[in-house]
Structure formats: structure tokens, C-alpha cells
Amino acid sequence: ALAGFVGLVLLRGWSTAIAIVGTIPHSKTVTYALSVLPLFILIGFLAF
């Protein structure tokens, strides 16, 4: 995250870098495909 943010600042400036970094946690969390991960992990821990 730190290396990416520094690089974005150098490439696109402070304001653009802040905007990009600020949206990534939400945009990647709401990806439907990622919802499979906690379910499969839960199966394993429940079985144990």
C-alpha cells in the first residue's frame, strides 16, 4: 500500500492518489467472488 501510494502520487499527483486509494477497500470488498472465501474458511473451522 505504501509503495503503491507513493508511486501514484508521483504519477498522478496527491489528489488523484488519495481518491484512488480511498475507493479500493470498498470496491474490492463488495466483489461478489470474494464472498466465497469466508464461507469456505468457515467450513474448515467448523469441521475441525
All heavy atoms as atom14 arrays in JSON, in Angstrom:
{
  "sequence": "ALAGFVGLVLLRGWSTAIAIVGTIPHSKTVTYALSVLPLFILIGFLAF",
  "atom14_mask": [
    [1, 1, 1, 1, 1, 0, 0, 0, 0, 0, 0, 0, 0, 0],
    [1, 1, 1, 1, 1, 1, 1, 1, 0, 0, 0, 0, 0, 0],
    [1, 1, 1, 1, 1, 0, 0, 0, 0, 0, 0, 0, 0, 0],
    [1, 1, 1, 1, 0, 0, 0, 0, 0, 0, 0, 0, 0, 0],
    [1, 1, 1, 1, 1, 1, 1, 1, 1, 1, 1, 0, 0, 0],
    [1, 1, 1, 1, 1, 1, 1, 0, 0, 0, 0, 0, 0, 0],
    [1, 1, 1, 1, 0, 0, 0, 0, 0, 0, 0, 0, 0, 0],
    [1, 1, 1, 1, 1, 1, 1, 1, 0, 0, 0, 0, 0, 0],
    [1, 1, 1, 1, 1, 1, 1, 0, 0, 0, 0, 0, 0, 0],
    [1, 1, 1, 1, 1, 1, 1, 1, 0, 0, 0, 0, 0, 0],
    [1, 1, 1, 1, 1, 1, 1, 1, 0, 0, 0, 0, 0, 0],
    [1, 1, 1, 1, 1, 1, 1, 1, 1, 1, 1, 0, 0, 0],
    [1, 1, 1, 1, 0, 0, 0, 0, 0, 0, 0, 0, 0, 0],
    [1, 1, 1, 1, 1, 1, 1, 1, 1, 1, 1, 1, 1, 1],
    [1, 1, 1, 1, 1, 1, 0, 0, 0, 0, 0, 0, 0, 0],
    [1, 1, 1, 1, 1, 1, 1, 0, 0, 0, 0, 0, 0, 0],
    [1, 1, 1, 1, 1, 0, 0, 0, 0, 0, 0, 0, 0, 0],
    [1, 1, 1, 1, 1, 1, 1, 1, 0, 0, 0, 0, 0, 0],
    [1, 1, 1, 1, 1, 0, 0, 0, 0, 0, 0, 0, 0, 0],
    [1, 1, 1, 1, 1, 1, 1, 1, 0, 0, 0, 0, 0, 0],
    [1, 1, 1, 1, 1, 1, 1, 0, 0, 0, 0, 0, 0, 0],
    [1, 1, 1, 1, 0, 0, 0, 0, 0, 0, 0, 0, 0, 0],
    [1, 1, 1, 1, 1, 1, 1, 0, 0, 0, 0, 0, 0, 0],
    [1, 1, 1, 1, 1, 1, 1, 1, 0, 0, 0, 0, 0, 0],
    [1, 1, 1, 1, 1, 1, 1, 0, 0, 0, 0, 0, 0, 0],
    [1, 1, 1, 1, 1, 1, 1, 1, 1, 1, 0, 0, 0, 0],
    [1, 1, 1, 1, 1, 1, 0, 0, 0, 0, 0, 0, 0, 0],
    [1, 1, 1, 1, 1, 1, 1, 1, 1, 0, 0, 0, 0, 0],
    [1, 1, 1, 1, 1, 1, 1, 0, 0, 0, 0, 0, 0, 0],
    [1, 1, 1, 1, 1, 1, 1, 0, 0, 0, 0, 0, 0, 0],
    [1, 1, 1, 1, 1, 1, 1, 0, 0, 0, 0, 0, 0, 0],
    [1, 1, 1, 1, 1, 1, 1, 1, 1, 1, 1, 1, 0, 0],
    [1, 1, 1, 1, 1, 0, 0, 0, 0, 0, 0, 0, 0, 0],
    [1, 1, 1, 1, 1, 1, 1, 1, 0, 0, 0, 0, 0, 0],
    [1, 1, 1, 1, 1, 1, 0, 0, 0, 0, 0, 0, 0, 0],
    [1, 1, 1, 1, 1, 1, 1, 0, 0, 0, 0, 0, 0, 0],
    [1, 1, 1, 1, 1, 1, 1, 1, 0, 0, 0, 0, 0, 0],
    [1, 1, 1, 1, 1, 1, 1, 0, 0, 0, 0, 0, 0, 0],
    [1, 1, 1, 1, 1, 1, 1, 1, 0, 0, 0, 0, 0, 0],
    [1, 1, 1, 1, 1, 1, 1, 1, 1, 1, 1, 0, 0, 0],
    [1, 1, 1, 1, 1, 1, 1, 1, 0, 0, 0, 0, 0, 0],
    [1, 1, 1, 1, 1, 1, 1, 1, 0, 0, 0, 0, 0, 0],
    [1, 1, 1, 1, 1, 1, 1, 1, 0, 0, 0, 0, 0, 0],
    [1, 1, 1, 1, 0, 0, 0, 0, 0, 0, 0, 0, 0, 0],
    [1, 1, 1, 1, 1, 1, 1, 1, 1, 1, 1, 0, 0, 0],
    [1, 1, 1, 1, 1, 1, 1, 1, 0, 0, 0, 0, 0, 0],
    [1, 1, 1, 1, 1, 0, 0, 0, 0, 0, 0, 0, 0, 0],
    [1, 1, 1, 1, 1, 1, 1, 1, 1, 1, 1, 0, 0, 0]
  ],
  "atom14_positions": [
    [[0.82, -1.21, 0.0], [0.0, 0.0, 0.0], [0.85, 1.26, 0.0], [0.57, 2.22, -0.72], [-0.93, -0.01, 1.22], [0.0, 0.0, 0.0], [0.0, 0.0, 0.0], [0.0, 0.0, 0.0], [0.0, 0.0, 0.0], [0.0, 0.0, 0.0], [0.0, 0.0, 0.0], [0.0, 0.0, 0.0], [0.0, 0.0, 0.0], [0.0, 0.0, 0.0]],
    [[1.92, 1.26, 0.79], [2.78, 2.44, 0.88], [3.51, 2.68, -0.44], [3.54, 3.82, -0.95], [3.78, 2.26, 2.02], [4.73, 3.43, 2.27], [3.94, 4.69, 2.6], [5.69, 3.1, 3.42], [0.0, 0.0, 0.0], [0.0, 0.0, 0.0], [0.0, 0.0, 0.0], [0.0, 0.0, 0.0], [0.0, 0.0, 0.0], [0.0, 0.0, 0.0]],
    [[4.11, 1.61, -1.01], [4.82, 1.76, -2.28], [3.86, 2.18, -3.39], [4.19, 3.03, -4.23], [5.52, 0.45, -2.64], [0.0, 0.0, 0.0], [0.0, 0.0, 0.0], [0.0, 0.0, 0.0], [0.0, 0.0, 0.0], [0.0, 0.0, 0.0], [0.0, 0.0, 0.0], [0.0, 0.0, 0.0], [0.0, 0.0, 0.0], [0.0, 0.0, 0.0]],
    [[2.66, 1.59, -3.4], [1.68, 1.95, -4.42], [1.21, 3.38, -4.3], [1.06, 4.1, -5.3], [0.0, 0.0, 0.0], [0.0, 0.0, 0.0], [0.0, 0.0, 0.0], [0.0, 0.0, 0.0], [0.0, 0.0, 0.0], [0.0, 0.0, 0.0], [0.0, 0.0, 0.0], [0.0, 0.0, 0.0], [0.0, 0.0, 0.0], [0.0, 0.0, 0.0]],
    [[1.01, 3.83, -3.06], [0.54, 5.2, -2.84], [1.62, 6.21, -3.27], [1.31, 7.2, -3.95], [0.19, 5.41, -1.37], [-0.24, 6.81, -1.04], [-1.44, 7.32, -1.49], [0.59, 7.63, -0.29], [-1.83, 8.6, -1.19], [0.22, 8.92, 0.01], [-1.0, 9.42, -0.44], [0.0, 0.0, 0.0], [0.0, 0.0, 0.0], [0.0, 0.0, 0.0]],
    [[2.86, 5.95, -2.89], [3.96, 6.84, -3.29], [4.06, 6.9, -4.81], [4.22, 7.97, -5.41], [5.29, 6.38, -2.67], [6.47, 7.17, -3.27], [5.26, 6.54, -1.16], [0.0, 0.0, 0.0], [0.0, 0.0, 0.0], [0.0, 0.0, 0.0], [0.0, 0.0, 0.0], [0.0, 0.0, 0.0], [0.0, 0.0, 0.0], [0.0, 0.0, 0.0]],
    [[3.94, 5.73, -5.44], [4.01, 5.7, -6.9], [2.87, 6.45, -7.56], [3.07, 7.18, -8.55], [0.0, 0.0, 0.0], [0.0, 0.0, 0.0], [0.0, 0.0, 0.0], [0.0, 0.0, 0.0], [0.0, 0.0, 0.0], [0.0, 0.0, 0.0], [0.0, 0.0, 0.0], [0.0, 0.0, 0.0], [0.0, 0.0, 0.0], [0.0, 0.0, 0.0]],
    [[1.67, 6.3, -7.01], [0.52, 7.02, -7.57], [0.67, 8.54, -7.41], [0.28, 9.3, -8.3], [-0.77, 6.55, -6.88], [-1.26, 5.15, -7.29], [-2.4, 4.7, -6.37], [-1.73, 5.14, -8.74], [0.0, 0.0, 0.0], [0.0, 0.0, 0.0], [0.0, 0.0, 0.0], [0.0, 0.0, 0.0], [0.0, 0.0, 0.0], [0.0, 0.0, 0.0]],
    [[1.23, 8.96, -6.29], [1.47, 10.39, -6.09], [2.44, 10.92, -7.15], [2.23, 12.0, -7.74], [2.02, 10.66, -4.68], [2.49, 12.11, -4.55], [0.95, 10.37, -3.63], [0.0, 0.0, 0.0], [0.0, 0.0, 0.0], [0.0, 0.0, 0.0], [0.0, 0.0, 0.0], [0.0, 0.0, 0.0], [0.0, 0.0, 0.0], [0.0, 0.0, 0.0]],
    [[3.49, 10.15, -7.42], [4.47, 10.57, -8.42], [3.88, 10.59, -9.82], [4.23, 11.43, -10.65], [5.69, 9.65, -8.37], [6.54, 9.71, -7.09], [7.65, 8.67, -7.14], [7.12, 11.11, -6.89], [0.0, 0.0, 0.0], [0.0, 0.0, 0.0], [0.0, 0.0, 0.0], [0.0, 0.0, 0.0], [0.0, 0.0, 0.0], [0.0, 0.0, 0.0]],
    [[2.98, 9.64, -10.1], [2.42, 9.53, -11.44], [1.24, 10.47, -11.67], [1.13, 11.07, -12.75], [1.96, 8.09, -11.7], [3.04, 7.03, -11.91], [2.41, 5.64, -11.96], [3.82, 7.3, -13.18], [0.0, 0.0, 0.0], [0.0, 0.0, 0.0], [0.0, 0.0, 0.0], [0.0, 0.0, 0.0], [0.0, 0.0, 0.0], [0.0, 0.0, 0.0]],
    [[0.35, 10.59, -10.69], [-0.91, 11.3, -10.92], [-1.16, 12.45, -9.95], [-2.19, 13.14, -10.05], [-2.08, 10.31, -10.83], [-2.1, 9.28, -11.95], [-2.39, 9.96, -13.3], [-2.45, 9.01, -14.38], [-1.43, 8.65, -15.15], [-0.23, 9.18, -14.91], [-1.58, 7.81, -16.14], [0.0, 0.0, 0.0], [0.0, 0.0, 0.0], [0.0, 0.0, 0.0]],
    [[-0.29, 12.64, -8.99], [-0.48, 13.74, -8.07], [-1.2, 13.3, -6.8], [-1.8, 12.23, -6.72], [0.0, 0.0, 0.0], [0.0, 0.0, 0.0], [0.0, 0.0, 0.0], [0.0, 0.0, 0.0], [0.0, 0.0, 0.0], [0.0, 0.0, 0.0], [0.0, 0.0, 0.0], [0.0, 0.0, 0.0], [0.0, 0.0, 0.0], [0.0, 0.0, 0.0]],
    [[-1.14, 14.17, -5.8], [-1.65, 13.84, -4.47], [-3.16, 13.6, -4.47], [-3.65, 12.62, -3.92], [-1.3, 14.98, -3.52], [-1.78, 14.78, -2.12], [-2.95, 15.21, -1.58], [-1.1, 14.07, -1.08], [-3.06, 14.83, -0.28], [-1.92, 14.11, 0.06], [0.12, 13.42, -0.99], [-1.58, 13.53, 1.26], [0.47, 12.84, 0.22], [-0.37, 12.88, 1.33]],
    [[-3.92, 14.49, -5.07], [-5.38, 14.39, -5.02], [-5.88, 13.11, -5.69], [-6.75, 12.4, -5.15], [-6.02, 15.61, -5.7], [-5.65, 16.79, -5.03], [0.0, 0.0, 0.0], [0.0, 0.0, 0.0], [0.0, 0.0, 0.0], [0.0, 0.0, 0.0], [0.0, 0.0, 0.0], [0.0, 0.0, 0.0], [0.0, 0.0, 0.0], [0.0, 0.0, 0.0]],
    [[-5.34, 12.8, -6.86], [-5.76, 11.58, -7.57], [-5.37, 10.33, -6.79], [-6.14, 9.38, -6.7], [-5.13, 11.54, -8.97], [-5.49, 12.72, -9.68], [-5.59, 10.31, -9.74], [0.0, 0.0, 0.0], [0.0, 0.0, 0.0], [0.0, 0.0, 0.0], [0.0, 0.0, 0.0], [0.0, 0.0, 0.0], [0.0, 0.0, 0.0], [0.0, 0.0, 0.0]],
    [[-4.16, 10.35, -6.22], [-3.71, 9.19, -5.45], [-4.61, 8.94, -4.25], [-4.98, 7.81, -3.95], [-2.27, 9.41, -5.0], [0.0, 0.0, 0.0], [0.0, 0.0, 0.0], [0.0, 0.0, 0.0], [0.0, 0.0, 0.0], [0.0, 0.0, 0.0], [0.0, 0.0, 0.0], [0.0, 0.0, 0.0], [0.0, 0.0, 0.0], [0.0, 0.0, 0.0]],
    [[-4.99, 10.03, -3.54], [-5.88, 9.91, -2.39], [-7.22, 9.32, -2.81], [-7.81, 8.46, -2.15], [-6.08, 11.27, -1.71], [-4.8, 11.7, -0.98], [-7.26, 11.22, -0.73], [-4.49, 10.88, 0.25], [0.0, 0.0, 0.0], [0.0, 0.0, 0.0], [0.0, 0.0, 0.0], [0.0, 0.0, 0.0], [0.0, 0.0, 0.0], [0.0, 0.0, 0.0]],
    [[-7.75, 9.79, -3.95], [-9.04, 9.32, -4.43], [-9.0, 7.83, -4.77], [-9.91, 7.07, -4.44], [-9.47, 10.14, -5.65], [0.0, 0.0, 0.0], [0.0, 0.0, 0.0], [0.0, 0.0, 0.0], [0.0, 0.0, 0.0], [0.0, 0.0, 0.0], [0.0, 0.0, 0.0], [0.0, 0.0, 0.0], [0.0, 0.0, 0.0], [0.0, 0.0, 0.0]],
    [[-7.92, 7.42, -5.44], [-7.8, 6.0, -5.83], [-7.67, 5.11, -4.6], [-8.37, 4.1, -4.47], [-6.58, 5.82, -6.76], [-6.83, 6.52, -8.1], [-6.29, 4.33, -6.98], [-5.62, 6.54, -9.01], [0.0, 0.0, 0.0], [0.0, 0.0, 0.0], [0.0, 0.0, 0.0], [0.0, 0.0, 0.0], [0.0, 0.0, 0.0], [0.0, 0.0, 0.0]],
    [[-6.77, 5.49, -3.7], [-6.54, 4.68, -2.5], [-7.78, 4.62, -1.62], [-8.09, 3.58, -1.01], [-5.34, 5.25, -1.71], [-5.22, 4.57, -0.36], [-4.06, 5.09, -2.51], [0.0, 0.0, 0.0], [0.0, 0.0, 0.0], [0.0, 0.0, 0.0], [0.0, 0.0, 0.0], [0.0, 0.0, 0.0], [0.0, 0.0, 0.0], [0.0, 0.0, 0.0]],
    [[-8.55, 5.71, -1.59], [-9.74, 5.74, -0.74], [-10.86, 4.85, -1.22], [-11.7, 4.42, -0.42], [0.0, 0.0, 0.0], [0.0, 0.0, 0.0], [0.0, 0.0, 0.0], [0.0, 0.0, 0.0], [0.0, 0.0, 0.0], [0.0, 0.0, 0.0], [0.0, 0.0, 0.0], [0.0, 0.0, 0.0], [0.0, 0.0, 0.0], [0.0, 0.0, 0.0]],
    [[-10.91, 4.57, -2.53], [-12.02, 3.76, -3.06], [-11.71, 2.27, -3.1], [-12.64, 1.45, -3.17], [-12.38, 4.22, -4.48], [-11.21, 4.08, -5.33], [-12.83, 5.67, -4.49], [0.0, 0.0, 0.0], [0.0, 0.0, 0.0], [0.0, 0.0, 0.0], [0.0, 0.0, 0.0], [0.0, 0.0, 0.0], [0.0, 0.0, 0.0], [0.0, 0.0, 0.0]],
    [[-10.45, 1.89, -3.06], [-10.1, 0.48, -3.24], [-10.66, -0.44, -2.15], [-11.22, -1.51, -2.47], [-8.57, 0.32, -3.37], [-8.14, 0.77, -4.77], [-8.13, -1.12, -3.13], [-6.65, 0.7, -5.02], [0.0, 0.0, 0.0], [0.0, 0.0, 0.0], [0.0, 0.0, 0.0], [0.0, 0.0, 0.0], [0.0, 0.0, 0.0], [0.0, 0.0, 0.0]],
    [[-10.54, -0.12, -0.86], [-11.09, -1.04, 0.16], [-12.56, -1.38, -0.07], [-12.96, -2.54, 0.03], [-10.87, -0.29, 1.47], [-9.7, 0.58, 1.2], [-9.85, 1.02, -0.22], [0.0, 0.0, 0.0], [0.0, 0.0, 0.0], [0.0, 0.0, 0.0], [0.0, 0.0, 0.0], [0.0, 0.0, 0.0], [0.0, 0.0, 0.0], [0.0, 0.0, 0.0]],
    [[-13.37, -0.38, -0.41], [-14.79, -0.66, -0.64], [-15.02, -1.43, -1.93], [-15.73, -2.44, -1.96], [-15.59, 0.65, -0.67], [-17.04, 0.46, -1.04], [-17.5, 0.59, -2.33], [-18.11, 0.09, -0.29], [-18.79, 0.34, -2.37], [-19.19, 0.04, -1.14], [0.0, 0.0, 0.0], [0.0, 0.0, 0.0], [0.0, 0.0, 0.0], [0.0, 0.0, 0.0]],
    [[-14.37, -0.98, -3.02], [-14.62, -1.61, -4.32], [-14.18, -3.06, -4.34], [-14.81, -3.91, -5.0], [-13.91, -0.82, -5.42], [-12.5, -0.85, -5.24], [0.0, 0.0, 0.0], [0.0, 0.0, 0.0], [0.0, 0.0, 0.0], [0.0, 0.0, 0.0], [0.0, 0.0, 0.0], [0.0, 0.0, 0.0], [0.0, 0.0, 0.0], [0.0, 0.0, 0.0]],
    [[-13.12, -3.4, -3.62], [-12.64, -4.78, -3.61], [-13.41, -5.64, -2.62], [-13.55, -6.84, -2.82], [-11.14, -4.81, -3.3], [-10.29, -4.12, -4.36], [-10.58, -4.68, -5.75], [-9.85, -3.92, -6.84], [-10.22, -4.4, -8.2], [0.0, 0.0, 0.0], [0.0, 0.0, 0.0], [0.0, 0.0, 0.0], [0.0, 0.0, 0.0], [0.0, 0.0, 0.0]],
    [[-13.92, -5.04, -1.56], [-14.68, -5.81, -0.58], [-16.03, -6.25, -1.13], [-16.51, -7.35, -0.83], [-14.89, -4.99, 0.7], [-13.63, -4.61, 1.24], [-15.64, -5.8, 1.75], [0.0, 0.0, 0.0], [0.0, 0.0, 0.0], [0.0, 0.0, 0.0], [0.0, 0.0, 0.0], [0.0, 0.0, 0.0], [0.0, 0.0, 0.0], [0.0, 0.0, 0.0]],
    [[-16.67, -5.41, -1.93], [-18.01, -5.73, -2.43], [-17.98, -6.62, -3.66], [-19.02, -6.89, -4.25], [-18.8, -4.44, -2.75], [-18.98, -3.6, -1.5], [-18.11, -3.63, -3.85], [0.0, 0.0, 0.0], [0.0, 0.0, 0.0], [0.0, 0.0, 0.0], [0.0, 0.0, 0.0], [0.0, 0.0, 0.0], [0.0, 0.0, 0.0], [0.0, 0.0, 0.0]],
    [[-16.81, -7.1, -4.07], [-16.73, -8.05, -5.18], [-17.42, -9.35, -4.8], [-17.07, -9.98, -3.79], [-15.25, -8.33, -5.54], [-14.61, -7.1, -5.88], [-15.16, -9.29, -6.72], [0.0, 0.0, 0.0], [0.0, 0.0, 0.0], [0.0, 0.0, 0.0], [0.0, 0.0, 0.0], [0.0, 0.0, 0.0], [0.0, 0.0, 0.0], [0.0, 0.0, 0.0]],
    [[-18.39, -9.77, -5.59], [-19.18, -10.96, -5.25], [-18.3, -12.2, -5.13], [-18.52, -13.04, -4.23], [-20.26, -11.18, -6.32], [-21.07, -12.45, -6.1], [-22.0, -12.53, -5.08], [-20.9, -13.56, -6.92], [-22.75, -13.67, -4.87], [-21.63, -14.71, -6.72], [-22.56, -14.76, -5.7], [-23.29, -15.91, -5.5], [0.0, 0.0, 0.0], [0.0, 0.0, 0.0]],
    [[-17.31, -12.33, -6.0], [-16.48, -13.54, -5.98], [-15.75, -13.71, -4.65], [-15.48, -14.83, -4.22], [-15.47, -13.49, -7.13], [0.0, 0.0, 0.0], [0.0, 0.0, 0.0], [0.0, 0.0, 0.0], [0.0, 0.0, 0.0], [0.0, 0.0, 0.0], [0.0, 0.0, 0.0], [0.0, 0.0, 0.0], [0.0, 0.0, 0.0], [0.0, 0.0, 0.0]],
    [[-15.44, -12.59, -3.98], [-14.73, -12.69, -2.7], [-15.59, -13.26, -1.58], [-15.07, -13.74, -0.58], [-14.21, -11.3, -2.28], [-12.84, -10.88, -2.78], [-12.52, -9.48, -2.29], [-11.77, -11.85, -2.35], [0.0, 0.0, 0.0], [0.0, 0.0, 0.0], [0.0, 0.0, 0.0], [0.0, 0.0, 0.0], [0.0, 0.0, 0.0], [0.0, 0.0, 0.0]],
    [[-16.9, -13.22, -1.75], [-17.78, -13.72, -0.69], [-17.64, -15.21, -0.46], [-18.07, -15.73, 0.58], [-19.24, -13.38, -1.01], [-19.64, -13.99, -2.23], [0.0, 0.0, 0.0], [0.0, 0.0, 0.0], [0.0, 0.0, 0.0], [0.0, 0.0, 0.0], [0.0, 0.0, 0.0], [0.0, 0.0, 0.0], [0.0, 0.0, 0.0], [0.0, 0.0, 0.0]],
    [[-17.01, -15.91, -1.4], [-16.81, -17.34, -1.23], [-15.75, -17.66, -0.17], [-15.79, -18.7, 0.47], [-16.44, -17.99, -2.59], [-15.03, -17.59, -3.0], [-16.56, -19.51, -2.52], [0.0, 0.0, 0.0], [0.0, 0.0, 0.0], [0.0, 0.0, 0.0], [0.0, 0.0, 0.0], [0.0, 0.0, 0.0], [0.0, 0.0, 0.0], [0.0, 0.0, 0.0]],
    [[-14.81, -16.74, 0.03], [-13.7, -17.02, 0.94], [-14.13, -17.29, 2.38], [-13.77, -18.31, 2.95], [-12.69, -15.88, 0.87], [-11.86, -15.77, -0.41], [-10.95, -14.54, -0.36], [-11.04, -17.02, -0.62], [0.0, 0.0, 0.0], [0.0, 0.0, 0.0], [0.0, 0.0, 0.0], [0.0, 0.0, 0.0], [0.0, 0.0, 0.0], [0.0, 0.0, 0.0]],
    [[-14.89, -16.38, 3.02], [-15.26, -16.67, 4.41], [-16.11, -17.92, 4.56], [-16.04, -18.6, 5.58], [-16.03, -15.41, 4.84], [-16.43, -14.75, 3.58], [-15.38, -15.06, 2.59], [0.0, 0.0, 0.0], [0.0, 0.0, 0.0], [0.0, 0.0, 0.0], [0.0, 0.0, 0.0], [0.0, 0.0, 0.0], [0.0, 0.0, 0.0], [0.0, 0.0, 0.0]],
    [[-16.89, -18.26, 3.54], [-17.73, -19.46, 3.62], [-16.89, -20.72, 3.62], [-17.1, -21.64, 4.43], [-18.73, -19.48, 2.45], [-19.83, -18.42, 2.52], [-20.6, -18.36, 1.21], [-20.77, -18.7, 3.68], [0.0, 0.0, 0.0], [0.0, 0.0, 0.0], [0.0, 0.0, 0.0], [0.0, 0.0, 0.0], [0.0, 0.0, 0.0], [0.0, 0.0, 0.0]],
    [[-15.92, -20.79, 2.72], [-15.05, -21.96, 2.68], [-14.18, -22.06, 3.93], [-13.92, -23.15, 4.45], [-14.17, -21.93, 1.43], [-14.91, -22.31, 0.16], [-14.55, -21.76, -1.05], [-15.95, -23.22, 0.2], [-15.2, -22.11, -2.22], [-16.62, -23.58, -0.96], [-16.26, -23.02, -2.17], [0.0, 0.0, 0.0], [0.0, 0.0, 0.0], [0.0, 0.0, 0.0]],
    [[-13.72, -20.92, 4.41], [-12.91, -20.92, 5.64], [-13.75, -21.39, 6.82], [-13.29, -22.17, 7.66], [-12.34, -19.51, 5.88], [-11.33, -19.14, 4.79], [-11.67, -19.43, 7.25], [-10.89, -17.69, 4.82], [0.0, 0.0, 0.0], [0.0, 0.0, 0.0], [0.0, 0.0, 0.0], [0.0, 0.0, 0.0], [0.0, 0.0, 0.0], [0.0, 0.0, 0.0]],
    [[-15.01, -20.93, 6.88], [-15.9, -21.35, 7.96], [-16.14, -22.86, 7.94], [-16.19, -23.5, 9.0], [-17.23, -20.61, 7.83], [-18.32, -20.99, 8.85], [-17.85, -20.69, 10.27], [-19.62, -20.24, 8.55], [0.0, 0.0, 0.0], [0.0, 0.0, 0.0], [0.0, 0.0, 0.0], [0.0, 0.0, 0.0], [0.0, 0.0, 0.0], [0.0, 0.0, 0.0]],
    [[-16.28, -23.44, 6.76], [-16.48, -24.89, 6.66], [-15.32, -25.62, 7.32], [-15.52, -26.57, 8.09], [-16.6, -25.32, 5.18], [-17.88, -24.78, 4.57], [-16.58, -26.84, 5.06], [-17.99, -25.02, 3.07], [0.0, 0.0, 0.0], [0.0, 0.0, 0.0], [0.0, 0.0, 0.0], [0.0, 0.0, 0.0], [0.0, 0.0, 0.0], [0.0, 0.0, 0.0]],
    [[-14.1, -25.19, 7.03], [-12.93, -25.85, 7.6], [-12.88, -25.75, 9.11], [-12.63, -26.75, 9.8], [0.0, 0.0, 0.0], [0.0, 0.0, 0.0], [0.0, 0.0, 0.0], [0.0, 0.0, 0.0], [0.0, 0.0, 0.0], [0.0, 0.0, 0.0], [0.0, 0.0, 0.0], [0.0, 0.0, 0.0], [0.0, 0.0, 0.0], [0.0, 0.0, 0.0]],
    [[-13.11, -24.56, 9.64], [-13.05, -24.39, 11.11], [-14.18, -25.12, 11.81], [-14.01, -25.68, 12.9], [-13.05, -22.91, 11.46], [-11.73, -22.24, 11.28], [-11.58, -21.14, 10.43], [-10.6, -22.69, 11.95], [-10.36, -20.52, 10.26], [-9.37, -22.08, 11.79], [-9.24, -20.99, 10.94], [0.0, 0.0, 0.0], [0.0, 0.0, 0.0], [0.0, 0.0, 0.0]],
    [[-15.37, -25.14, 11.2], [-16.49, -25.88, 11.78], [-16.18, -27.38, 11.82], [-16.45, -28.06, 12.81], [-17.76, -25.62, 10.99], [-18.59, -24.39, 11.36], [-19.79, -24.26, 10.42], [-19.05, -24.45, 12.8], [0.0, 0.0, 0.0], [0.0, 0.0, 0.0], [0.0, 0.0, 0.0], [0.0, 0.0, 0.0], [0.0, 0.0, 0.0], [0.0, 0.0, 0.0]],
    [[-15.62, -27.89, 10.71], [-15.29, -29.31, 10.65], [-14.27, -29.67, 11.72], [-14.35, -30.74, 12.34], [-14.75, -29.67, 9.26], [0.0, 0.0, 0.0], [0.0, 0.0, 0.0], [0.0, 0.0, 0.0], [0.0, 0.0, 0.0], [0.0, 0.0, 0.0], [0.0, 0.0, 0.0], [0.0, 0.0, 0.0], [0.0, 0.0, 0.0], [0.0, 0.0, 0.0]],
    [[-13.31, -28.78, 11.96], [-12.29, -29.05, 12.97], [-12.89, -29.04, 14.38], [-12.7, -29.98, 15.16], [-11.18, -28.02, 12.87], [-10.2, -28.06, 14.02], [-9.39, -29.16, 14.21], [-10.13, -27.01, 14.92], [-8.5, -29.21, 15.28], [-9.25, -27.05, 15.99], [-8.42, -28.16, 16.16], [0.0, 0.0, 0.0], [0.0, 0.0, 0.0], [0.0, 0.0, 0.0]]
  ]
}
